């Protein structure tokens, strides 16, 4: 469970840097999100509590006063701590310059987490953005400015980790499974077919996967398909039946059922509701 507020806008014709989405979440113990694949850089600032996220064969354990970046095109999963669940704000930022700015701040594929000062200032920027949900020119310009403000504040506040950040390597079978799922999730991939490719017992693979990632492998595959379809619903004009086929479901009915279980609404309602601002309680 989480209490979440978010704002999503369709990308405009901005090349250098543009606001894509932002939000705030206050999670319940063990609440998880993902697996998900993003199409822009997503920057999280942890306000309270702690949790972990999995990316690129590694688990990172973070807490209040720290942040992490999720690059586009890479499946990620994150989960709140059981005793001290985290709350965080986030902003999705795209454009040609975002990689340049992040690299200048020391953030790249080898270093995706950091310590941060002035966490309340980040919360303030995100909550200011939430007030600009209407589609008009003034709000559009304001949100683009807030994306730059967010990066400016990051440059003033970011520091290298002062304390050791706990990380843990994934089991090799799990990391290989993630690679296969990332490449072939839209096809008829299954736990059995992955286990056969890896020459390992399916039940044993499932136990390893759940221990490292936090969710069963079958659920992970389905959620990769669903979160991929989320982006297709809000950023393309493909029909629901076309999207269902594109993300690997056997039928539109099976897709709609799985989608509603994951998102709480049907694909058609999701497509309408995600354009703009809403309060979502999961």
Protein backbone atom coordinates (compact mmCIF):
# COMPACT_ATOMS: atom_id res chain seq x y z
CA UNK A 1 0.00 0.00 0.00
CA UNK A 2 1.05 3.59 -0.62
CA UNK A 3 -0.46 7.04 -0.60
CA UNK A 4 0.69 8.71 -3.79
CA UNK A 5 0.23 11.95 -5.67
CA UNK A 6 1.62 12.40 -9.13
CA UNK A 7 1.54 14.57 -12.22
CA UNK A 8 2.19 13.23 -15.71
CA UNK A 9 2.55 15.36 -18.82
CA UNK A 10 3.07 14.32 -22.41
CA UNK A 11 6.54 15.36 -23.67
CA UNK A 12 6.55 18.55 -25.73
CA UNK A 13 9.02 19.59 -28.40
CA UNK A 14 11.80 20.45 -25.99
CA UNK A 15 15.20 19.06 -26.94
CA UNK A 16 17.61 20.14 -24.19
CA UNK A 17 15.61 19.36 -21.03
CA UNK A 18 11.94 18.77 -20.33
CA UNK A 19 9.60 17.92 -17.47
CA UNK A 20 7.89 14.55 -17.89
CA UNK A 21 6.31 13.65 -14.55
CA UNK A 22 6.73 13.98 -10.79
CA UNK A 23 5.17 12.72 -7.61
CA UNK A 24 5.23 11.92 -3.92
CA UNK A 25 4.75 8.55 -2.23
CA UNK A 26 4.38 7.58 1.42
CA UNK A 27 4.56 3.80 1.48
CA UNK A 28 3.41 1.07 3.84
CA UNK A 29 5.81 -1.66 5.10
CA UNK A 30 7.15 -3.89 2.30
CA UNK A 31 5.29 -1.90 -0.38
CA UNK A 32 6.97 -2.54 -3.73
CA UNK A 33 6.92 -0.91 -7.13
CA UNK A 34 7.92 -2.47 -10.38
CA UNK A 35 9.40 -4.01 -12.24
CA UNK A 36 9.13 -0.97 -14.46
CA UNK A 37 10.91 0.44 -17.48
CA UNK A 38 11.04 4.21 -17.92
CA UNK A 39 11.53 6.28 -21.05
CA UNK A 40 13.17 9.22 -19.23
CA UNK A 41 15.58 9.61 -16.33
CA UNK A 42 13.79 9.30 -12.99
CA UNK A 43 15.36 10.92 -9.91
CA UNK A 44 14.16 9.91 -6.43
CA UNK A 45 14.85 11.77 -3.19
CA UNK A 46 14.19 9.74 -0.01
CA UNK A 47 12.49 11.93 2.60
CA UNK A 48 11.92 9.44 5.43
CA UNK A 49 12.51 5.79 6.23
CA UNK A 50 14.45 3.34 4.11
CA UNK A 51 14.18 0.71 1.42
CA UNK A 52 16.05 -0.83 -1.47
CA UNK A 53 16.01 -0.89 -5.24
CA UNK A 54 17.29 -3.47 -7.71
CA UNK A 55 19.00 -2.48 -10.93
CA UNK A 56 21.70 -3.94 -13.15
CA UNK A 57 22.38 -7.09 -11.07
CA UNK A 58 22.67 -5.13 -7.81
CA UNK A 59 20.50 -4.28 -4.80
CA UNK A 60 21.04 -0.85 -3.21
CA UNK A 61 19.83 -0.18 0.36
CA UNK A 62 19.09 3.52 0.95
CA UNK A 63 17.55 5.78 3.59
CA UNK A 64 16.36 9.31 4.33
CA UNK A 65 18.75 11.96 3.02
CA UNK A 66 19.80 9.87 0.04
CA UNK A 67 18.67 9.66 -3.55
CA UNK A 68 18.88 7.39 -6.55
CA UNK A 69 18.54 7.65 -10.32
CA UNK A 70 16.74 5.22 -12.60
CA UNK A 71 18.01 5.46 -16.21
CA UNK A 72 15.61 4.91 -19.12
CA UNK A 73 15.23 1.50 -20.72
CA UNK A 74 16.42 -0.53 -17.71
CA UNK A 75 14.04 -2.68 -15.62
CA UNK A 76 14.03 -1.70 -11.95
CA UNK A 77 12.24 -2.81 -8.81
CA UNK A 78 12.10 -1.13 -5.42
CA UNK A 79 10.61 -1.97 -2.04
CA UNK A 80 10.03 -0.21 1.29
CA UNK A 81 11.59 -1.50 4.50
CA UNK A 82 9.36 -3.62 6.72
CA UNK A 83 9.98 -1.57 9.89
CA UNK A 84 10.79 1.90 8.54
CA UNK A 85 9.00 2.23 5.18
CA UNK A 86 10.20 5.12 3.10
CA UNK A 87 8.52 8.15 1.65
CA UNK A 88 10.03 9.91 -1.33
CA UNK A 89 9.52 12.46 -4.09
CA UNK A 90 10.53 11.93 -7.67
CA UNK A 91 10.83 13.76 -10.95
CA UNK A 92 11.12 12.31 -14.45
CA UNK A 93 13.25 14.49 -16.74
CA UNK A 94 14.08 13.94 -20.40
CA UNK A 95 16.05 15.73 -23.10
CA UNK A 96 19.45 15.72 -24.73
CA UNK A 97 21.19 17.52 -21.84
CA UNK A 98 20.06 15.38 -18.89
CA UNK A 99 22.87 12.82 -19.33
CA UNK A 100 25.42 15.65 -19.54
CA UNK A 101 24.11 17.31 -16.37
CA UNK A 102 24.00 14.06 -14.41
CA UNK A 103 27.52 13.11 -15.46
CA UNK A 104 28.73 16.53 -14.33
CA UNK A 105 27.24 15.67 -10.93
CA UNK A 106 29.07 12.34 -10.87
CA UNK A 107 26.03 10.21 -11.70
CA UNK A 108 26.44 7.50 -14.30
CA UNK A 109 25.84 3.76 -14.72
CA UNK A 110 28.53 3.02 -12.11
CA UNK A 111 27.14 5.43 -9.52
CA UNK A 112 23.36 5.80 -9.39
CA UNK A 113 22.88 6.77 -5.74
CA UNK A 114 24.06 9.70 -3.66
CA UNK A 115 23.68 11.66 -0.40
CA UNK A 116 21.58 14.81 -0.53
CA UNK A 117 21.06 17.95 1.55
CA UNK A 118 17.95 20.14 1.71
CA UNK A 119 15.50 17.30 1.13
CA UNK A 120 12.56 19.54 2.05
CA UNK A 121 13.47 21.85 -0.83
CA UNK A 122 13.05 18.95 -3.28
CA UNK A 123 9.68 18.16 -1.72
CA UNK A 124 8.69 21.81 -2.14
CA UNK A 125 9.56 21.81 -5.86
CA UNK A 126 7.57 18.63 -6.51
CA UNK A 127 4.52 19.86 -4.61
CA UNK A 128 4.66 23.15 -6.49
CA UNK A 129 4.61 21.19 -9.75
CA UNK A 130 1.48 19.31 -8.67
CA UNK A 131 -0.43 22.60 -8.74
CA UNK A 132 0.15 23.00 -12.48
CA UNK A 133 -1.92 20.12 -13.81
CA UNK A 134 -4.01 22.12 -16.30
CA UNK A 135 -2.84 22.14 -19.90
CA UNK A 136 -2.08 25.73 -20.82
CA UNK A 137 1.00 27.64 -21.93
CA UNK A 138 1.79 29.23 -18.56
CA UNK A 139 1.70 25.88 -16.76
CA UNK A 140 3.76 24.24 -19.49
CA UNK A 141 6.48 26.89 -19.24
CA UNK A 142 6.40 26.76 -15.43
CA UNK A 143 6.91 22.98 -15.39
CA UNK A 144 9.87 23.23 -17.76
CA UNK A 145 11.37 25.84 -15.43
CA UNK A 146 10.78 23.56 -12.44
CA UNK A 147 12.72 20.77 -14.16
CA UNK A 148 15.70 23.12 -14.41
CA UNK A 149 15.15 24.20 -10.78
CA UNK A 150 15.22 20.55 -9.73
CA UNK A 151 18.57 19.98 -11.49
CA UNK A 152 19.94 23.25 -10.09
CA UNK A 153 18.99 22.22 -6.56
CA UNK A 154 20.50 18.79 -7.14
CA UNK A 155 23.80 20.40 -8.18
CA UNK A 156 23.82 22.47 -4.97
CA UNK A 157 22.78 19.65 -2.65
CA UNK A 158 24.37 16.44 -3.90
CA UNK A 159 27.35 14.89 -2.11
CA UNK A 160 29.12 11.58 -2.34
CA UNK A 161 28.03 8.98 0.18
CA UNK A 162 29.52 9.82 3.58
CA UNK A 163 28.74 6.36 4.88
CA UNK A 164 28.94 2.94 3.34
CA UNK A 165 25.91 2.13 1.22
CA UNK A 166 24.95 -1.49 1.61
CA UNK A 167 24.76 -3.33 -1.69
CA UNK A 168 24.39 -6.96 -2.56
CA UNK A 169 25.19 -8.80 -5.77
CA UNK A 170 22.39 -10.86 -7.23
CA UNK A 171 22.67 -14.58 -7.72
CA UNK A 172 24.05 -15.26 -11.22
CA UNK A 173 20.97 -17.28 -12.20
CA UNK A 174 18.76 -14.36 -11.16
CA UNK A 175 20.79 -11.80 -13.11
CA UNK A 176 20.72 -14.02 -16.21
CA UNK A 177 16.97 -14.42 -15.80
CA UNK A 178 16.56 -10.64 -15.65
CA UNK A 179 18.52 -10.27 -18.89
CA UNK A 180 16.31 -12.82 -20.62
CA UNK A 181 13.12 -11.23 -19.31
CA UNK A 182 14.27 -7.78 -20.42
CA UNK A 183 14.86 -9.03 -23.96
CA UNK A 184 11.97 -11.44 -24.39
CA UNK A 185 9.16 -10.41 -22.00
CA UNK A 186 6.95 -9.51 -24.96
CA UNK A 187 7.22 -13.05 -26.30
CA UNK A 188 5.80 -16.25 -24.83
CA UNK A 189 8.47 -16.47 -22.14
CA UNK A 190 7.78 -18.50 -19.00
CA UNK A 191 9.52 -19.63 -15.82
CA UNK A 192 9.90 -23.07 -17.38
CA UNK A 193 11.51 -21.78 -20.58
CA UNK A 194 13.94 -19.59 -18.63
CA UNK A 195 14.86 -22.46 -16.30
CA UNK A 196 15.40 -24.76 -19.30
CA UNK A 197 17.77 -22.24 -20.91
CA UNK A 198 19.71 -21.96 -17.65
CA UNK A 199 19.65 -25.73 -16.96
CA UNK A 200 18.13 -25.23 -13.52
CA UNK A 201 15.03 -26.53 -11.76
CA UNK A 202 12.11 -24.04 -12.16
CA UNK A 203 11.13 -24.22 -8.48
CA UNK A 204 14.70 -23.56 -7.37
CA UNK A 205 14.98 -20.64 -9.81
CA UNK A 206 11.73 -19.20 -8.44
CA UNK A 207 13.07 -19.36 -4.87
CA UNK A 208 16.33 -17.67 -5.86
CA UNK A 209 14.48 -14.97 -7.78
CA UNK A 210 12.06 -14.18 -4.95
CA UNK A 211 14.94 -14.01 -2.44
CA UNK A 212 16.90 -11.51 -4.57
CA UNK A 213 14.17 -9.43 -6.20
CA UNK A 214 11.37 -9.65 -3.65
CA UNK A 215 8.62 -10.88 -5.99
CA UNK A 216 7.98 -14.24 -7.72
CA UNK A 217 9.45 -14.49 -11.20
CA UNK A 218 6.08 -15.11 -12.85
CA UNK A 219 4.67 -11.94 -11.28
CA UNK A 220 7.79 -10.01 -12.34
CA UNK A 221 7.34 -11.04 -15.99
CA UNK A 222 3.68 -9.98 -15.98
CA UNK A 223 4.46 -6.65 -14.33
CA UNK A 224 7.21 -5.87 -16.87
CA UNK A 225 4.61 -6.41 -19.58
CA UNK A 226 2.04 -4.25 -17.80
CA UNK A 227 4.38 -1.34 -17.02
CA UNK A 228 5.61 -1.38 -20.62
CA UNK A 229 2.00 -1.19 -21.74
CA UNK A 230 1.40 1.74 -19.35
CA UNK A 231 3.81 3.86 -21.36
CA UNK A 232 2.32 2.70 -24.66
CA UNK A 233 -1.17 3.64 -23.48
CA UNK A 234 -0.19 7.19 -22.56
CA UNK A 235 2.36 7.95 -25.28
CA UNK A 236 0.95 6.27 -28.41
CA UNK A 237 -2.33 5.89 -30.30
CA UNK A 238 -2.13 2.11 -30.57
CA UNK A 239 -5.38 0.33 -29.80
CA UNK A 240 -5.69 -1.73 -26.63
CA UNK A 241 -5.74 -4.95 -28.66
CA UNK A 242 -2.56 -3.89 -30.49
CA UNK A 243 -0.81 -3.06 -27.20
CA UNK A 244 -1.96 -6.36 -25.71
CA UNK A 245 -0.25 -8.21 -28.55
CA UNK A 246 2.85 -6.01 -28.45
CA UNK A 247 3.55 -6.79 -24.78
CA UNK A 248 3.05 -10.53 -25.14
CA UNK A 249 -0.44 -11.40 -23.87
CA UNK A 250 -2.34 -14.25 -25.50
CA UNK A 251 -5.55 -12.23 -25.76
CA UNK A 252 -6.99 -8.80 -25.06
CA UNK A 253 -9.15 -10.33 -22.33
CA UNK A 254 -6.12 -11.81 -20.53
CA UNK A 255 -4.31 -8.49 -20.85
CA UNK A 256 -7.25 -6.46 -19.51
CA UNK A 257 -7.66 -8.80 -16.54
CA UNK A 258 -3.94 -8.66 -15.63
CA UNK A 259 -3.87 -4.90 -16.20
CA UNK A 260 -6.79 -4.26 -13.86
CA UNK A 261 -5.25 -6.47 -11.17
CA UNK A 262 -2.04 -4.42 -11.34
CA UNK A 263 -3.37 -0.87 -11.88
CA UNK A 264 -6.84 -1.10 -10.35
CA UNK A 265 -8.57 0.18 -13.49
CA UNK A 266 -9.08 -1.02 -17.06
CA UNK A 267 -6.59 -0.02 -19.81
CA UNK A 268 -9.11 2.39 -21.37
CA UNK A 269 -9.79 4.20 -18.08
CA UNK A 270 -6.06 4.29 -17.30
CA UNK A 271 -5.39 5.91 -20.68
CA UNK A 272 -7.88 8.69 -19.87
CA UNK A 273 -6.88 9.22 -16.22
CA UNK A 274 -3.10 9.33 -16.62
CA UNK A 275 -3.22 12.48 -18.72
CA UNK A 276 -3.12 15.00 -15.92
CA UNK A 277 -3.11 14.88 -12.14
CA UNK A 278 -4.81 12.54 -9.73
CA UNK A 279 -4.47 11.20 -6.23
CA UNK A 280 -3.96 7.47 -6.22
CA UNK A 281 -4.21 5.16 -3.21
CA UNK A 282 -3.01 1.65 -3.92
